[in-house]
Amino acid sequence: HGCATALCAFDGDPGVLRRRWELFAAGAPGGLAGLGEVVGVRRAG
């Protein structure tokens, strides 16, 4: 959660950031990839 939230806070291209998370989580020890998912949402405002 901490790693993903830090990545999600970055103001960059959501598609690129989502792929970066997937690469990071897949290679991280401890099975991080299966513990949650990074998804895109549209801000109502």
PDB file of all heavy atoms in Angstrom:
ATOM      1  N   HIS A   1       0.831  -1.206   0.000  1.00  0.00           N
ATOM      2  CA  HIS A   1       0.000   0.000   0.000  1.00  0.00           C
ATOM      3  C   HIS A   1       0.866   1.255   0.000  1.00  0.00           C
ATOM      4  O   HIS A   1       0.622   2.188  -0.759  1.00  0.00           O
ATOM      5  CB  HIS A   1      -0.940  -0.009   1.205  1.00  0.00           C
ATOM      6  CG  HIS A   1      -1.823   1.190   1.263  1.00  0.00           C
ATOM      7  ND1 HIS A   1      -1.547   2.265   2.066  1.00  0.00           N
ATOM      8  CD2 HIS A   1      -2.975   1.471   0.615  1.00  0.00           C
ATOM      9  CE1 HIS A   1      -2.497   3.170   1.909  1.00  0.00           C
ATOM     10  NE2 HIS A   1      -3.374   2.719   1.038  1.00  0.00           N
ATOM     11  N   GLY A   2       1.887   1.290   0.825  1.00  0.00           N
ATOM     12  CA  GLY A   2       2.771   2.452   0.894  1.00  0.00           C
ATOM     13  C   GLY A   2       3.491   2.715  -0.416  1.00  0.00           C
ATOM     14  O   GLY A   2       3.547   3.849  -0.899  1.00  0.00           O
ATOM     15  N   CYS A   3       4.034   1.674  -1.007  1.00  0.00           N
ATOM     16  CA  CYS A   3       4.753   1.824  -2.286  1.00  0.00           C
ATOM     17  C   CYS A   3       3.808   2.270  -3.397  1.00  0.00           C
ATOM     18  O   CYS A   3       4.121   3.187  -4.166  1.00  0.00           O
ATOM     19  CB  CYS A   3       5.424   0.514  -2.680  1.00  0.00           C
ATOM     20  SG  CYS A   3       6.768   0.015  -1.595  1.00  0.00           S
ATOM     21  N   ALA A   4       2.654   1.643  -3.478  1.00  0.00           N
ATOM     22  CA  ALA A   4       1.698   1.983  -4.535  1.00  0.00           C
ATOM     23  C   ALA A   4       1.144   3.390  -4.351  1.00  0.00           C
ATOM     24  O   ALA A   4       0.993   4.133  -5.323  1.00  0.00           O
ATOM     25  CB  ALA A   4       0.561   0.966  -4.559  1.00  0.00           C
ATOM     26  N   THR A   5       0.853   3.774  -3.127  1.00  0.00           N
ATOM     27  CA  THR A   5       0.309   5.101  -2.864  1.00  0.00           C
ATOM     28  C   THR A   5       1.313   6.183  -3.233  1.00  0.00           C
ATOM     29  O   THR A   5       0.945   7.223  -3.793  1.00  0.00           O
ATOM     30  CB  THR A   5      -0.129   5.226  -1.402  1.00  0.00           C
ATOM     31  OG1 THR A   5      -1.135   4.232  -1.143  1.00  0.00           O
ATOM     32  CG2 THR A   5      -0.707   6.586  -1.099  1.00  0.00           C
ATOM     33  N   ALA A   6       2.586   5.947  -2.947  1.00  0.00           N
ATOM     34  CA  ALA A   6       3.623   6.905  -3.328  1.00  0.00           C
ATOM     35  C   ALA A   6       3.663   7.050  -4.852  1.00  0.00           C
ATOM     36  O   ALA A   6       3.747   8.169  -5.375  1.00  0.00           O
ATOM     37  CB  ALA A   6       4.982   6.458  -2.796  1.00  0.00           C
ATOM     38  N   LEU A   7       3.583   5.957  -5.566  1.00  0.00           N
ATOM     39  CA  LEU A   7       3.583   6.006  -7.024  1.00  0.00           C
ATOM     40  C   LEU A   7       2.333   6.717  -7.534  1.00  0.00           C
ATOM     41  O   LEU A   7       2.409   7.554  -8.439  1.00  0.00           O
ATOM     42  CB  LEU A   7       3.661   4.594  -7.607  1.00  0.00           C
ATOM     43  CG  LEU A   7       3.694   4.556  -9.122  1.00  0.00           C
ATOM     44  CD1 LEU A   7       5.119   4.764  -9.624  1.00  0.00           C
ATOM     45  CD2 LEU A   7       3.141   3.247  -9.635  1.00  0.00           C
ATOM     46  N   CYS A   8       1.187   6.419  -6.947  1.00  0.00           N
ATOM     47  CA  CYS A   8      -0.079   7.015  -7.391  1.00  0.00           C
ATOM     48  C   CYS A   8      -0.110   8.526  -7.151  1.00  0.00           C
ATOM     49  O   CYS A   8      -0.822   9.245  -7.846  1.00  0.00           O
ATOM     50  CB  CYS A   8      -1.249   6.359  -6.667  1.00  0.00           C
ATOM     51  SG  CYS A   8      -1.545   4.635  -7.137  1.00  0.00           S
ATOM     52  N   ALA A   9       0.647   9.013  -6.187  1.00  0.00           N
ATOM     53  CA  ALA A   9       0.672  10.447  -5.882  1.00  0.00           C
ATOM     54  C   ALA A   9       1.457  11.241  -6.918  1.00  0.00           C
ATOM     55  O   ALA A   9       1.298  12.457  -7.018  1.00  0.00           O
ATOM     56  CB  ALA A   9       1.266  10.671  -4.491  1.00  0.00           C
ATOM     57  N   PHE A  10       2.283  10.562  -7.691  1.00  0.00           N
ATOM     58  CA  PHE A  10       3.097  11.235  -8.695  1.00  0.00           C
ATOM     59  C   PHE A  10       2.210  11.740  -9.822  1.00  0.00           C
ATOM     60  O   PHE A  10       1.322  11.035 -10.294  1.00  0.00           O
ATOM     61  CB  PHE A  10       4.166  10.280  -9.229  1.00  0.00           C
ATOM     62  CG  PHE A  10       5.153  10.928 -10.146  1.00  0.00           C
ATOM     63  CD1 PHE A  10       6.133  11.765  -9.647  1.00  0.00           C
ATOM     64  CD2 PHE A  10       5.098  10.708 -11.507  1.00  0.00           C
ATOM     65  CE1 PHE A  10       7.040  12.378 -10.493  1.00  0.00           C
ATOM     66  CE2 PHE A  10       6.005  11.307 -12.368  1.00  0.00           C
ATOM     67  CZ  PHE A  10       6.982  12.142 -11.857  1.00  0.00           C
ATOM     68  N   ASP A  11       2.447  12.949 -10.265  1.00  0.00           N
ATOM     69  CA  ASP A  11       1.639  13.541 -11.338  1.00  0.00           C
ATOM     70  C   ASP A  11       2.279  13.232 -12.686  1.00  0.00           C
ATOM     71  O   ASP A  11       3.018  14.034 -13.238  1.00  0.00           O
ATOM     72  CB  ASP A  11       1.525  15.055 -11.134  1.00  0.00           C
ATOM     73  CG  ASP A  11       0.535  15.696 -12.092  1.00  0.00           C
ATOM     74  OD1 ASP A  11      -0.354  14.984 -12.597  1.00  0.00           O
ATOM     75  OD2 ASP A  11       0.664  16.899 -12.349  1.00  0.00           O
ATOM     76  N   GLY A  12       2.008  12.042 -13.183  1.00  0.00           N
ATOM     77  CA  GLY A  12       2.560  11.619 -14.463  1.00  0.00           C
ATOM     78  C   GLY A  12       1.494  10.912 -15.280  1.00  0.00           C
ATOM     79  O   GLY A  12       0.328  10.852 -14.884  1.00  0.00           O
ATOM     80  N   ASP A  13       1.887  10.370 -16.393  1.00  0.00           N
ATOM     81  CA  ASP A  13       0.977   9.638 -17.271  1.00  0.00           C
ATOM     82  C   ASP A  13       0.460   8.399 -16.531  1.00  0.00           C
ATOM     83  O   ASP A  13       1.250   7.515 -16.177  1.00  0.00           O
ATOM     84  CB  ASP A  13       1.722   9.235 -18.538  1.00  0.00           C
ATOM     85  CG  ASP A  13       0.858   8.470 -19.515  1.00  0.00           C
ATOM     86  OD1 ASP A  13       0.192   7.486 -19.106  1.00  0.00           O
ATOM     87  OD2 ASP A  13       0.860   8.838 -20.692  1.00  0.00           O
ATOM     88  N   PRO A  14      -0.854   8.301 -16.292  1.00  0.00           N
ATOM     89  CA  PRO A  14      -1.397   7.172 -15.537  1.00  0.00           C
ATOM     90  C   PRO A  14      -1.077   5.808 -16.152  1.00  0.00           C
ATOM     91  O   PRO A  14      -0.813   4.850 -15.432  1.00  0.00           O
ATOM     92  CB  PRO A  14      -2.910   7.429 -15.524  1.00  0.00           C
ATOM     93  CG  PRO A  14      -3.031   8.900 -15.690  1.00  0.00           C
ATOM     94  CD  PRO A  14      -1.895   9.287 -16.595  1.00  0.00           C
ATOM     95  N   GLY A  15      -1.070   5.714 -17.474  1.00  0.00           N
ATOM     96  CA  GLY A  15      -0.762   4.440 -18.125  1.00  0.00           C
ATOM     97  C   GLY A  15       0.663   4.003 -17.861  1.00  0.00           C
ATOM     98  O   GLY A  15       0.931   2.836 -17.562  1.00  0.00           O
ATOM     99  N   VAL A  16       1.595   4.931 -17.965  1.00  0.00           N
ATOM    100  CA  VAL A  16       3.006   4.640 -17.700  1.00  0.00           C
ATOM    101  C   VAL A  16       3.190   4.259 -16.235  1.00  0.00           C
ATOM    102  O   VAL A  16       3.868   3.278 -15.915  1.00  0.00           O
ATOM    103  CB  VAL A  16       3.901   5.849 -18.075  1.00  0.00           C
ATOM    104  CG1 VAL A  16       5.327   5.646 -17.583  1.00  0.00           C
ATOM    105  CG2 VAL A  16       3.868   6.088 -19.570  1.00  0.00           C
ATOM    106  N   LEU A  17       2.570   5.016 -15.346  1.00  0.00           N
ATOM    107  CA  LEU A  17       2.715   4.730 -13.909  1.00  0.00           C
ATOM    108  C   LEU A  17       2.119   3.375 -13.543  1.00  0.00           C
ATOM    109  O   LEU A  17       2.684   2.643 -12.729  1.00  0.00           O
ATOM    110  CB  LEU A  17       2.067   5.845 -13.084  1.00  0.00           C
ATOM    111  CG  LEU A  17       2.734   7.206 -13.201  1.00  0.00           C
ATOM    112  CD1 LEU A  17       1.911   8.264 -12.470  1.00  0.00           C
ATOM    113  CD2 LEU A  17       4.158   7.165 -12.668  1.00  0.00           C
ATOM    114  N   ARG A  18       0.992   3.039 -14.145  1.00  0.00           N
ATOM    115  CA  ARG A  18       0.364   1.733 -13.868  1.00  0.00           C
ATOM    116  C   ARG A  18       1.287   0.596 -14.309  1.00  0.00           C
ATOM    117  O   ARG A  18       1.470  -0.380 -13.591  1.00  0.00           O
ATOM    118  CB  ARG A  18      -0.983   1.630 -14.575  1.00  0.00           C
ATOM    119  CG  ARG A  18      -1.760   0.387 -14.195  1.00  0.00           C
ATOM    120  CD  ARG A  18      -3.115   0.300 -14.886  1.00  0.00           C
ATOM    121  NE  ARG A  18      -3.968   1.424 -14.562  1.00  0.00           N
ATOM    122  CZ  ARG A  18      -4.376   2.351 -15.453  1.00  0.00           C
ATOM    123  NH1 ARG A  18      -4.019   2.280 -16.715  1.00  0.00           N
ATOM    124  NH2 ARG A  18      -5.166   3.327 -15.076  1.00  0.00           N
ATOM    125  N   ARG A  19       1.899   0.741 -15.479  1.00  0.00           N
ATOM    126  CA  ARG A  19       2.835  -0.294 -15.958  1.00  0.00           C
ATOM    127  C   ARG A  19       4.070  -0.367 -15.057  1.00  0.00           C
ATOM    128  O   ARG A  19       4.576  -1.450 -14.793  1.00  0.00           O
ATOM    129  CB  ARG A  19       3.222  -0.026 -17.408  1.00  0.00           C
ATOM    130  CG  ARG A  19       2.099  -0.348 -18.396  1.00  0.00           C
ATOM    131  CD  ARG A  19       2.541  -0.279 -19.840  1.00  0.00           C
ATOM    132  NE  ARG A  19       2.974   1.030 -20.283  1.00  0.00           N
ATOM    133  CZ  ARG A  19       2.161   2.020 -20.637  1.00  0.00           C
ATOM    134  NH1 ARG A  19       0.849   1.854 -20.603  1.00  0.00           N
ATOM    135  NH2 ARG A  19       2.639   3.187 -21.038  1.00  0.00           N
ATOM    136  N   ARG A  20       4.531   0.774 -14.584  1.00  0.00           N
ATOM    137  CA  ARG A  20       5.685   0.779 -13.672  1.00  0.00           C
ATOM    138  C   ARG A  20       5.349   0.038 -12.387  1.00  0.00           C
ATOM    139  O   ARG A  20       6.164  -0.696 -11.842  1.00  0.00           O
ATOM    140  CB  ARG A  20       6.117   2.205 -13.369  1.00  0.00           C
ATOM    141  CG  ARG A  20       6.642   2.908 -14.590  1.00  0.00           C
ATOM    142  CD  ARG A  20       8.060   3.367 -14.399  1.00  0.00           C
ATOM    143  NE  ARG A  20       8.599   3.851 -15.661  1.00  0.00           N
ATOM    144  CZ  ARG A  20       8.942   5.096 -15.896  1.00  0.00           C
ATOM    145  NH1 ARG A  20       8.818   5.996 -14.946  1.00  0.00           N
ATOM    146  NH2 ARG A  20       9.433   5.437 -17.062  1.00  0.00           N
ATOM    147  N   TRP A  21       4.137   0.249 -11.872  1.00  0.00           N
ATOM    148  CA  TRP A  21       3.730  -0.471 -10.664  1.00  0.00           C
ATOM    149  C   TRP A  21       3.711  -1.975 -10.935  1.00  0.00           C
ATOM    150  O   TRP A  21       4.193  -2.764 -10.128  1.00  0.00           O
ATOM    151  CB  TRP A  21       2.353  -0.023 -10.171  1.00  0.00           C
ATOM    152  CG  TRP A  21       1.810  -0.992  -9.160  1.00  0.00           C
ATOM    153  CD1 TRP A  21       0.825  -1.898  -9.350  1.00  0.00           C
ATOM    154  CD2 TRP A  21       2.291  -1.193  -7.826  1.00  0.00           C
ATOM    155  NE1 TRP A  21       0.654  -2.654  -8.210  1.00  0.00           N
ATOM    156  CE2 TRP A  21       1.546  -2.230  -7.259  1.00  0.00           C
ATOM    157  CE3 TRP A  21       3.286  -0.601  -7.065  1.00  0.00           C
ATOM    158  CZ2 TRP A  21       1.746  -2.692  -5.960  1.00  0.00           C
ATOM    159  CZ3 TRP A  21       3.494  -1.057  -5.761  1.00  0.00           C
ATOM    160  CH2 TRP A  21       2.730  -2.084  -5.237  1.00  0.00           C
ATOM    161  N   GLU A  22       3.140  -2.368 -12.040  1.00  0.00           N
ATOM    162  CA  GLU A  22       3.050  -3.792 -12.367  1.00  0.00           C
ATOM    163  C   GLU A  22       4.434  -4.423 -12.464  1.00  0.00           C
ATOM    164  O   GLU A  22       4.654  -5.527 -11.958  1.00  0.00           O
ATOM    165  CB  GLU A  22       2.258  -3.992 -13.655  1.00  0.00           C
ATOM    166  CG  GLU A  22       0.783  -3.661 -13.488  1.00  0.00           C
ATOM    167  CD  GLU A  22       0.025  -3.529 -14.800  1.00  0.00           C
ATOM    168  OE1 GLU A  22       0.646  -3.628 -15.883  1.00  0.00           O
ATOM    169  OE2 GLU A  22      -1.198  -3.293 -14.743  1.00  0.00           O
ATOM    170  N   LEU A  23       5.379  -3.728 -13.080  1.00  0.00           N
ATOM    171  CA  LEU A  23       6.756  -4.232 -13.176  1.00  0.00           C
ATOM    172  C   LEU A  23       7.414  -4.317 -11.801  1.00  0.00           C
ATOM    173  O   LEU A  23       8.047  -5.311 -11.456  1.00  0.00           O
ATOM    174  CB  LEU A  23       7.597  -3.342 -14.095  1.00  0.00           C
ATOM    175  CG  LEU A  23       7.329  -3.468 -15.578  1.00  0.00           C
ATOM    176  CD1 LEU A  23       8.067  -2.370 -16.346  1.00  0.00           C
ATOM    177  CD2 LEU A  23       7.764  -4.834 -16.079  1.00  0.00           C
ATOM    178  N   PHE A  24       7.248  -3.255 -11.022  1.00  0.00           N
ATOM    179  CA  PHE A  24       7.829  -3.239  -9.679  1.00  0.00           C
ATOM    180  C   PHE A  24       7.244  -4.355  -8.823  1.00  0.00           C
ATOM    181  O   PHE A  24       7.977  -5.130  -8.202  1.00  0.00           O
ATOM    182  CB  PHE A  24       7.569  -1.880  -9.011  1.00  0.00           C
ATOM    183  CG  PHE A  24       7.879  -1.880  -7.548  1.00  0.00           C
ATOM    184  CD1 PHE A  24       9.192  -1.809  -7.104  1.00  0.00           C
ATOM    185  CD2 PHE A  24       6.865  -1.954  -6.608  1.00  0.00           C
ATOM    186  CE1 PHE A  24       9.492  -1.828  -5.738  1.00  0.00           C
ATOM    187  CE2 PHE A  24       7.150  -1.964  -5.257  1.00  0.00           C
ATOM    188  CZ  PHE A  24       8.467  -1.896  -4.823  1.00  0.00           C
ATOM    189  N   ALA A  25       5.924  -4.451  -8.777  1.00  0.00           N
ATOM    190  CA  ALA A  25       5.264  -5.434  -7.923  1.00  0.00           C
ATOM    191  C   ALA A  25       5.584  -6.863  -8.346  1.00  0.00           C
ATOM    192  O   ALA A  25       5.763  -7.741  -7.501  1.00  0.00           O
ATOM    193  CB  ALA A  25       3.749  -5.198  -7.936  1.00  0.00           C
ATOM    194  N   ALA A  26       5.678  -7.100  -9.648  1.00  0.00           N
ATOM    195  CA  ALA A  26       5.981  -8.449 -10.135  1.00  0.00           C
ATOM    196  C   ALA A  26       7.371  -8.895  -9.710  1.00  0.00           C
ATOM    197  O   ALA A  26       7.594 -10.077  -9.443  1.00  0.00           O
ATOM    198  CB  ALA A  26       5.853  -8.501 -11.654  1.00  0.00           C
ATOM    199  N   GLY A  27       8.314  -7.966  -9.630  1.00  0.00           N
ATOM    200  CA  GLY A  27       9.684  -8.319  -9.270  1.00  0.00           C
ATOM    201  C   GLY A  27      10.005  -8.174  -7.800  1.00  0.00           C
ATOM    202  O   GLY A  27      11.080  -8.580  -7.356  1.00  0.00           O
ATOM    203  N   ALA A  28       9.096  -7.604  -7.031  1.00  0.00           N
ATOM    204  CA  ALA A  28       9.351  -7.372  -5.606  1.00  0.00           C
ATOM    205  C   ALA A  28       9.196  -8.664  -4.809  1.00  0.00           C
ATOM    206  O   ALA A  28       8.349  -9.502  -5.129  1.00  0.00           O
ATOM    207  CB  ALA A  28       8.389  -6.320  -5.077  1.00  0.00           C
ATOM    208  N   PRO A  29       9.991  -8.827  -3.775  1.00  0.00           N
ATOM    209  CA  PRO A  29       9.835 -10.012  -2.924  1.00  0.00           C
ATOM    210  C   PRO A  29       8.546  -9.919  -2.106  1.00  0.00           C
ATOM    211  O   PRO A  29       7.990  -8.844  -1.939  1.00  0.00           O
ATOM    212  CB  PRO A  29      11.070  -9.962  -2.019  1.00  0.00           C
ATOM    213  CG  PRO A  29      11.454  -8.526  -1.986  1.00  0.00           C
ATOM    214  CD  PRO A  29      11.065  -7.963  -3.325  1.00  0.00           C
ATOM    215  N   GLY A  30       8.084 -11.031  -1.624  1.00  0.00           N
ATOM    216  CA  GLY A  30       6.924 -11.038  -0.738  1.00  0.00           C
ATOM    217  C   GLY A  30       5.576 -11.085  -1.420  1.00  0.00           C
ATOM    218  O   GLY A  30       4.550 -10.947  -0.774  1.00  0.00           O
ATOM    219  N   GLY A  31       5.557 -11.260  -2.728  1.00  0.00           N
ATOM    220  CA  GLY A  31       4.275 -11.386  -3.424  1.00  0.00           C
ATOM    221  C   GLY A  31       3.446 -10.113  -3.460  1.00  0.00           C
ATOM    222  O   GLY A  31       2.219 -10.169  -3.399  1.00  0.00           O
ATOM    223  N   LEU A  32       4.088  -8.955  -3.562  1.00  0.00           N
ATOM    224  CA  LEU A  32       3.361  -7.687  -3.545  1.00  0.00           C
ATOM    225  C   LEU A  32       2.320  -7.588  -4.647  1.00  0.00           C
ATOM    226  O   LEU A  32       1.280  -6.958  -4.462  1.00  0.00           O
ATOM    227  CB  LEU A  32       4.323  -6.500  -3.646  1.00  0.00           C
ATOM    228  CG  LEU A  32       5.300  -6.280  -2.497  1.00  0.00           C
ATOM    229  CD1 LEU A  32       6.033  -4.960  -2.677  1.00  0.00           C
ATOM    230  CD2 LEU A  32       4.623  -6.350  -1.156  1.00  0.00           C
ATOM    231  N   ALA A  33       2.568  -8.191  -5.788  1.00  0.00           N
ATOM    232  CA  ALA A  33       1.653  -8.078  -6.929  1.00  0.00           C
ATOM    233  C   ALA A  33       0.251  -8.595  -6.600  1.00  0.00           C
ATOM    234  O   ALA A  33      -0.739  -8.086  -7.122  1.00  0.00           O
ATOM    235  CB  ALA A  33       2.209  -8.812  -8.140  1.00  0.00           C
ATOM    236  N   GLY A  34       0.144  -9.564  -5.742  1.00  0.00           N
ATOM    237  CA  GLY A  34      -1.155 -10.145  -5.424  1.00  0.00           C
ATOM    238  C   GLY A  34      -1.886  -9.486  -4.269  1.00  0.00           C
ATOM    239  O   GLY A  34      -2.993  -9.884  -3.929  1.00  0.00           O
ATOM    240  N   LEU A  35      -1.289  -8.456  -3.673  1.00  0.00           N
ATOM    241  CA  LEU A  35      -1.869  -7.863  -2.467  1.00  0.00           C
ATOM    242  C   LEU A  35      -2.789  -6.684  -2.734  1.00  0.00           C
ATOM    243  O   LEU A  35      -3.447  -6.172  -1.830  1.00  0.00           O
ATOM    244  CB  LEU A  35      -0.753  -7.436  -1.511  1.00  0.00           C
ATOM    245  CG  LEU A  35       0.166  -8.582  -1.071  1.00  0.00           C
ATOM    246  CD1 LEU A  35       1.279  -8.051  -0.194  1.00  0.00           C
ATOM    247  CD2 LEU A  35      -0.617  -9.666  -0.369  1.00  0.00           C
ATOM    248  N   GLY A  36      -2.856  -6.245  -3.981  1.00  0.00           N
ATOM    249  CA  GLY A  36      -3.721  -5.127  -4.343  1.00  0.00           C
ATOM    250  C   GLY A  36      -3.519  -4.776  -5.796  1.00  0.00           C
ATOM    251  O   GLY A  36      -2.736  -5.420  -6.497  1.00  0.00           O
ATOM    252  N   GLU A  37      -4.217  -3.747  -6.244  1.00  0.00           N
ATOM    253  CA  GLU A  37      -4.083  -3.330  -7.638  1.00  0.00           C
ATOM    254  C   GLU A  37      -4.132  -1.821  -7.750  1.00  0.00           C
ATOM    255  O   GLU A  37      -4.811  -1.147  -6.983  1.00  0.00           O
ATOM    256  CB  GLU A  37      -5.163  -3.956  -8.509  1.00  0.00           C
ATOM    257  CG  GLU A  37      -6.568  -3.507  -8.172  1.00  0.00           C
ATOM    258  CD  GLU A  37      -7.622  -4.113  -9.081  1.00  0.00           C
ATOM    259  OE1 GLU A  37      -7.438  -4.147 -10.308  1.00  0.00           O
ATOM    260  OE2 GLU A  37      -8.651  -4.539  -8.528  1.00  0.00           O
ATOM    261  N   VAL A  38      -3.388  -1.308  -8.718  1.00  0.00           N
ATOM    262  CA  VAL A  38      -3.410   0.113  -9.053  1.00  0.00           C
ATOM    263  C   VAL A  38      -4.405   0.271 -10.195  1.00  0.00           C
ATOM    264  O   VAL A  38      -4.298  -0.401 -11.213  1.00  0.00           O
ATOM    265  CB  VAL A  38      -2.001   0.608  -9.454  1.00  0.00           C
ATOM    266  CG1 VAL A  38      -2.063   1.997 -10.056  1.00  0.00           C
ATOM    267  CG2 VAL A  38      -1.067   0.582  -8.249  1.00  0.00           C
ATOM    268  N   VAL A  39      -5.386   1.144 -10.000  1.00  0.00           N
ATOM    269  CA  VAL A  39      -6.416   1.363 -11.013  1.00  0.00           C
ATOM    270  C   VAL A  39      -6.612   2.865 -11.233  1.00  0.00           C
ATOM    271  O   VAL A  39      -6.304   3.675 -10.364  1.00  0.00           O
ATOM    272  CB  VAL A  39      -7.768   0.713 -10.624  1.00  0.00           C
ATOM    273  CG1 VAL A  39      -7.637  -0.787 -10.516  1.00  0.00           C
ATOM    274  CG2 VAL A  39      -8.299   1.289  -9.337  1.00  0.00           C
ATOM    275  N   GLY A  40      -7.137   3.210 -12.388  1.00  0.00           N
ATOM    276  CA  GLY A  40      -7.412   4.600 -12.706  1.00  0.00           C
ATOM    277  C   GLY A  40      -8.851   4.960 -12.388  1.00  0.00           C
ATOM    278  O   GLY A  40      -9.753   4.154 -12.591  1.00  0.00           O
ATOM    279  N   VAL A  41      -9.048   6.164 -11.870  1.00  0.00           N
ATOM    280  CA  VAL A  41     -10.383   6.716 -11.645  1.00  0.00           C
ATOM    281  C   VAL A  41     -10.410   8.128 -12.224  1.00  0.00           C
ATOM    282  O   VAL A  41      -9.386   8.813 -12.254  1.00  0.00           O
ATOM    283  CB  VAL A  41     -10.801   6.743 -10.159  1.00  0.00           C
ATOM    284  CG1 VAL A  41     -10.938   5.352  -9.587  1.00  0.00           C
ATOM    285  CG2 VAL A  41      -9.844   7.562  -9.326  1.00  0.00           C
ATOM    286  N   ARG A  42     -11.560   8.545 -12.690  1.00  0.00           N
ATOM    287  CA  ARG A  42     -11.749   9.905 -13.200  1.00  0.00           C
ATOM    288  C   ARG A  42     -12.231  10.789 -12.053  1.00  0.00           C
ATOM    289  O   ARG A  42     -13.213  10.462 -11.384  1.00  0.00           O
ATOM    290  CB  ARG A  42     -12.786   9.940 -14.314  1.00  0.00           C
ATOM    291  CG  ARG A  42     -12.368   9.202 -15.529  1.00  0.00           C
ATOM    292  CD  ARG A  42     -11.718  10.138 -16.513  1.00  0.00           C
ATOM    293  NE  ARG A  42     -11.117   9.349 -17.581  1.00  0.00           N
ATOM    294  CZ  ARG A  42     -10.038   9.715 -18.208  1.00  0.00           C
ATOM    295  NH1 ARG A  42      -9.441  10.849 -17.906  1.00  0.00           N
ATOM    296  NH2 ARG A  42      -9.536   8.956 -19.152  1.00  0.00           N
ATOM    297  N   ARG A  43     -11.558  11.889 -11.857  1.00  0.00           N
ATOM    298  CA  ARG A  43     -11.958  12.837 -10.816  1.00  0.00           C
ATOM    299  C   ARG A  43     -13.282  13.479 -11.203  1.00  0.00           C
ATOM    300  O   ARG A  43     -13.455  13.926 -12.334  1.00  0.00           O
ATOM    301  CB  ARG A  43     -10.911  13.928 -10.654  1.00  0.00           C
ATOM    302  CG  ARG A  43      -9.597  13.424 -10.175  1.00  0.00           C
ATOM    303  CD  ARG A  43      -8.633  14.574 -10.062  1.00  0.00           C
ATOM    304  NE  ARG A  43      -7.293  14.052  -9.826  1.00  0.00           N
ATOM    305  CZ  ARG A  43      -6.253  14.814  -9.606  1.00  0.00           C
ATOM    306  NH1 ARG A  43      -6.371  16.132  -9.608  1.00  0.00           N
ATOM    307  NH2 ARG A  43      -5.080  14.286  -9.393  1.00  0.00           N
ATOM    308  N   ALA A  44     -14.188  13.533 -10.266  1.00  0.00           N
ATOM    309  CA  ALA A  44     -15.490  14.133 -10.530  1.00  0.00           C
ATOM    310  C   ALA A  44     -15.355  15.621 -10.845  1.00  0.00           C
ATOM    311  O   ALA A  44     -16.071  16.146 -11.695  1.00  0.00           O
ATOM    312  CB  ALA A  44     -16.413  13.928  -9.328  1.00  0.00           C
ATOM    313  N   GLY A  45     -14.429  16.299 -10.200  1.00  0.00           N
ATOM    314  CA  GLY A  45     -14.290  17.744 -10.372  1.00  0.00           C
ATOM    315  C   GLY A  45     -13.769  18.172 -11.725  1.00  0.00           C
ATOM    316  O   GLY A  45     -14.337  19.048 -12.375  1.00  0.00           O
TER     317      GLY A  45
END
